[in-house]
Amino acid sequence: MEHKYGYTLDKTISDDIIRKKLDITMKSFCKLISPFLFLSIFLFSKQIAAQNKENNFRQESTTTSAKEEDNPELAEYFWNKYNNGISDGKIKIKKYKRHERKYPYSLEGGLKNGDIIYTTNIKGPVVGHDIKSDEFFIIFHPDNIHRYPFLLKKLGRYLIIGTKGDGIIIVNTENFYLKKYDISSNGGAVENIEIEGKKIIINNSDIIDEPAF
């Protein structure tokens, strides 16, 4: 049967059935994905909230750390935080007001270099005491406290540090560049250091030329 608009009646009925089927299919599809969509939105919002919380925590931690860095009681912690693992590179130095109880020194003890007196501490760091500004700073801290520094020598601008098992540490006291040297004698433990001209002699056997860093 011909429809007045030029379509057959069967074609019109067929199109109407297809539209109804599509409508039913879309409604079913929406019902199906709605829970997943809601869950996705919920999880995404939780993720954003957690990220914001973490960012706020990091900001607070940064502020707290900045205040704590000025605490002389935490000088060793922050030295290790910034410099631990450096065996050939520039280290970060921070000065603190003198802390007599924790890092005592005397004008007669230690190694004097201008206004700085360098001292060693058993199972602890090498500390520079600025007698002019009444401040101190850590110039080296051992990775292993049982291989602590105990012997100090000076060659020009270089501070030479002998350790109980980690060889030799040399620090340029002008630019604070640090370099570690392994030694073959005595299992890496330093017993003595002698300076002969521009040569550093360790344990009467290992020889290191004057650095140029």
Protein backbone atom coordinates (compact mmCIF):
# COMPACT_ATOMS: atom_id res chain seq x y z
CA MET A 1 0.00 0.00 0.00
CA GLU A 2 1.39 3.37 -1.06
CA HIS A 3 1.54 6.09 1.58
CA LYS A 4 0.55 9.62 0.59
CA TYR A 5 4.10 10.88 1.18
CA GLY A 6 5.56 8.33 -1.17
CA TYR A 7 6.60 5.63 1.35
CA THR A 8 5.08 2.24 1.60
CA LEU A 9 3.18 1.39 4.78
CA ASP A 10 5.51 -1.56 5.44
CA LYS A 11 8.54 0.76 5.28
CA THR A 12 6.95 3.20 7.75
CA ILE A 13 6.08 0.44 10.19
CA SER A 14 9.59 -1.00 9.84
CA ASP A 15 11.22 2.37 10.58
CA ASP A 16 8.98 2.85 13.59
CA ILE A 17 9.95 -0.57 14.98
CA ILE A 18 13.64 0.17 14.47
CA ARG A 19 13.31 3.50 16.30
CA LYS A 20 11.55 1.83 19.23
CA LYS A 21 14.19 -0.87 19.39
CA LEU A 22 16.95 1.75 19.33
CA ASP A 23 15.18 3.70 22.06
CA ILE A 24 14.88 0.60 24.25
CA THR A 25 18.52 -0.34 23.56
CA MET A 26 19.76 3.17 24.52
CA LYS A 27 17.72 3.18 27.72
CA SER A 28 19.08 -0.23 28.65
CA PHE A 29 22.61 0.90 27.84
CA CYS A 30 22.26 4.02 30.01
CA LYS A 31 20.94 1.95 32.90
CA LEU A 32 23.88 -0.38 32.47
CA ILE A 33 26.64 2.27 32.43
CA SER A 34 25.13 4.58 35.03
CA PRO A 35 26.59 2.70 38.03
CA PHE A 36 30.01 2.54 36.37
CA LEU A 37 29.87 6.21 35.44
CA PHE A 38 28.95 7.15 38.99
CA LEU A 39 31.74 4.94 40.35
CA SER A 40 34.26 6.48 37.95
CA ILE A 41 33.29 10.01 38.97
CA PHE A 42 33.44 9.06 42.64
CA LEU A 43 36.89 7.47 42.33
CA PHE A 44 38.18 10.41 40.31
CA SER A 45 37.00 12.87 42.96
CA LYS A 46 38.67 10.75 45.66
CA GLN A 47 41.91 10.77 43.67
CA ILE A 48 41.81 14.56 43.31
CA ALA A 49 41.15 14.96 47.04
CA ALA A 50 44.05 12.63 47.91
CA GLN A 51 46.36 14.51 45.55
CA ASN A 52 45.41 17.84 47.11
CA LYS A 53 46.02 16.40 50.58
CA GLU A 54 49.45 15.13 49.51
CA ASN A 55 50.36 18.51 47.99
CA ASN A 56 49.33 20.27 51.20
CA PHE A 57 51.40 17.80 53.24
CA ARG A 58 54.43 18.37 51.05
CA GLN A 59 54.04 22.13 51.39
CA GLU A 60 53.79 21.85 55.18
CA SER A 61 56.77 19.47 55.27
CA THR A 62 58.84 21.90 53.20
CA THR A 63 58.01 24.74 55.58
CA THR A 64 58.81 22.59 58.61
CA SER A 65 62.09 21.38 57.09
CA ALA A 66 63.14 24.95 56.33
CA LYS A 67 62.74 25.81 60.02
CA GLU A 68 64.45 22.62 61.18
CA GLU A 69 67.46 23.23 58.94
CA ASP A 70 68.44 26.07 61.27
CA ASN A 71 68.50 23.71 64.25
CA PRO A 72 72.13 22.82 65.12
CA GLU A 73 70.94 19.58 66.73
CA LEU A 74 69.94 18.40 63.23
CA ALA A 75 73.12 19.49 61.45
CA GLU A 76 74.26 15.91 60.78
CA TYR A 77 70.83 14.85 59.53
CA PHE A 78 70.68 17.63 56.96
CA TRP A 79 74.30 17.15 55.90
CA ASN A 80 73.48 13.53 55.08
CA LYS A 81 70.21 14.49 53.45
CA TYR A 82 71.94 16.75 50.91
CA ASN A 83 75.39 15.20 50.61
CA ASN A 84 75.18 11.49 51.41
CA GLY A 85 76.51 9.39 48.54
CA ILE A 86 78.64 12.14 47.00
CA SER A 87 82.07 10.73 46.28
CA ASP A 88 83.19 13.17 43.59
CA GLY A 89 81.27 16.42 43.56
CA LYS A 90 80.35 19.65 45.29
CA ILE A 91 78.74 19.41 48.72
CA LYS A 92 76.24 21.72 50.39
CA ILE A 93 77.52 23.51 53.48
CA LYS A 94 75.34 25.19 56.08
CA LYS A 95 76.59 27.22 59.02
CA TYR A 96 75.03 27.15 62.49
CA LYS A 97 75.59 29.15 65.62
CA ARG A 98 78.24 27.59 67.86
CA HIS A 99 77.05 24.53 69.78
CA GLU A 100 79.60 23.97 72.54
CA ARG A 101 77.91 20.94 74.07
CA LYS A 102 77.54 18.97 70.85
CA TYR A 103 80.69 20.07 69.02
CA PRO A 104 83.24 21.45 71.50
CA TYR A 105 86.65 22.67 70.38
CA SER A 106 89.69 24.48 71.71
CA LEU A 107 92.17 26.78 70.05
CA GLU A 108 94.89 24.23 70.78
CA GLY A 109 93.00 21.23 69.40
CA GLY A 110 92.12 20.38 65.83
CA LEU A 111 93.62 21.70 62.61
CA LYS A 112 93.69 25.49 62.31
CA ASN A 113 93.34 27.19 58.95
CA GLY A 114 92.89 30.94 59.21
CA ASP A 115 89.73 31.62 61.20
CA ILE A 116 88.59 27.98 60.89
CA ILE A 117 89.48 25.15 63.26
CA TYR A 118 88.70 21.68 61.91
CA THR A 119 88.03 18.90 64.41
CA THR A 120 87.13 15.22 64.18
CA ASN A 121 84.54 13.48 66.34
CA ILE A 122 84.61 9.78 67.23
CA LYS A 123 81.97 8.06 65.10
CA GLY A 124 80.90 11.49 63.93
CA PRO A 125 81.62 14.26 61.44
CA VAL A 126 84.50 16.58 60.66
CA VAL A 127 83.41 19.99 61.88
CA GLY A 128 84.71 23.41 60.92
CA HIS A 129 84.53 26.02 63.70
CA ASP A 130 84.58 29.62 62.54
CA ILE A 131 86.09 31.42 65.53
CA LYS A 132 85.47 34.83 63.99
CA SER A 133 81.71 34.46 63.40
CA ASP A 134 81.23 31.97 66.28
CA GLU A 135 79.62 29.46 63.92
CA PHE A 136 80.24 25.86 62.93
CA PHE A 137 79.58 23.72 59.87
CA ILE A 138 79.97 20.06 58.95
CA ILE A 139 82.39 19.49 56.11
CA PHE A 140 82.27 15.69 56.08
CA HIS A 141 80.18 12.96 57.68
CA PRO A 142 80.97 9.23 57.32
CA ASP A 143 78.52 6.90 55.59
CA ASN A 144 79.41 4.30 58.22
CA ILE A 145 80.06 5.61 61.74
CA HIS A 146 82.46 2.71 62.40
CA ARG A 147 84.68 4.05 59.60
CA TYR A 148 84.74 7.54 61.01
CA PRO A 149 87.30 10.26 60.19
CA PHE A 150 90.04 10.77 62.78
CA LEU A 151 93.09 12.26 61.09
CA LEU A 152 93.36 15.69 59.44
CA LYS A 153 96.04 17.26 57.26
CA LYS A 154 96.15 20.35 55.08
CA LEU A 155 97.71 20.89 51.67
CA GLY A 156 97.08 24.38 50.37
CA ARG A 157 93.31 24.85 50.08
CA TYR A 158 92.68 21.12 50.48
CA LEU A 159 91.61 19.46 53.73
CA ILE A 160 92.79 15.85 53.80
CA ILE A 161 90.74 13.50 55.96
CA GLY A 162 91.93 10.04 56.98
CA THR A 163 89.26 7.51 57.95
CA LYS A 164 89.07 4.23 59.87
CA GLY A 165 88.21 2.21 56.78
CA ASP A 166 86.95 4.44 53.95
CA GLY A 167 90.30 5.62 52.66
CA ILE A 168 91.01 9.30 52.12
CA ILE A 169 88.56 12.17 51.74
CA ILE A 170 89.83 15.43 50.25
CA VAL A 171 87.75 18.60 50.36
CA ASN A 172 88.54 21.90 48.67
CA THR A 173 87.84 24.35 51.51
CA GLU A 174 87.21 27.21 49.05
CA ASN A 175 84.55 25.72 46.80
CA PHE A 176 83.62 22.68 48.97
CA TYR A 177 84.25 20.14 46.26
CA LEU A 178 84.72 16.68 47.81
CA LYS A 179 86.46 13.63 46.41
CA LYS A 180 86.96 10.18 47.94
CA TYR A 181 90.08 8.13 47.30
CA ASP A 182 90.34 4.39 47.92
CA ILE A 183 93.63 3.13 49.27
CA SER A 184 95.08 -0.31 48.76
CA SER A 185 96.88 -0.64 52.08
CA ASN A 186 95.53 -1.70 55.46
CA GLY A 187 92.05 -2.57 54.20
CA GLY A 188 91.23 1.07 53.50
CA ALA A 189 92.04 2.18 57.07
CA VAL A 190 94.37 5.16 57.36
CA GLU A 191 97.13 5.00 59.96
CA ASN A 192 99.20 8.00 58.96
CA ILE A 193 99.36 10.78 56.40
CA GLU A 194 102.51 12.59 55.33
CA ILE A 195 102.79 15.57 53.00
CA GLU A 196 105.91 15.69 50.86
CA GLY A 197 105.92 18.60 48.45
CA LYS A 198 102.78 18.14 46.37
CA LYS A 199 102.34 14.50 47.19
CA ILE A 200 100.15 12.92 49.87
CA ILE A 201 101.57 9.69 51.27
CA ILE A 202 99.21 7.38 53.16
CA ASN A 203 100.40 4.51 55.37
CA ASN A 204 103.90 4.99 53.92
CA SER A 205 102.78 3.34 50.69
CA ASP A 206 99.79 4.85 48.88
CA ILE A 207 100.56 8.10 47.06
CA ILE A 208 98.06 10.73 45.88
CA ASP A 209 99.16 13.75 43.86
CA GLU A 210 97.92 17.16 44.92
CA PRO A 211 94.38 17.52 43.54
CA ALA A 212 93.31 20.12 40.99
CA PHE A 213 89.60 20.54 41.63
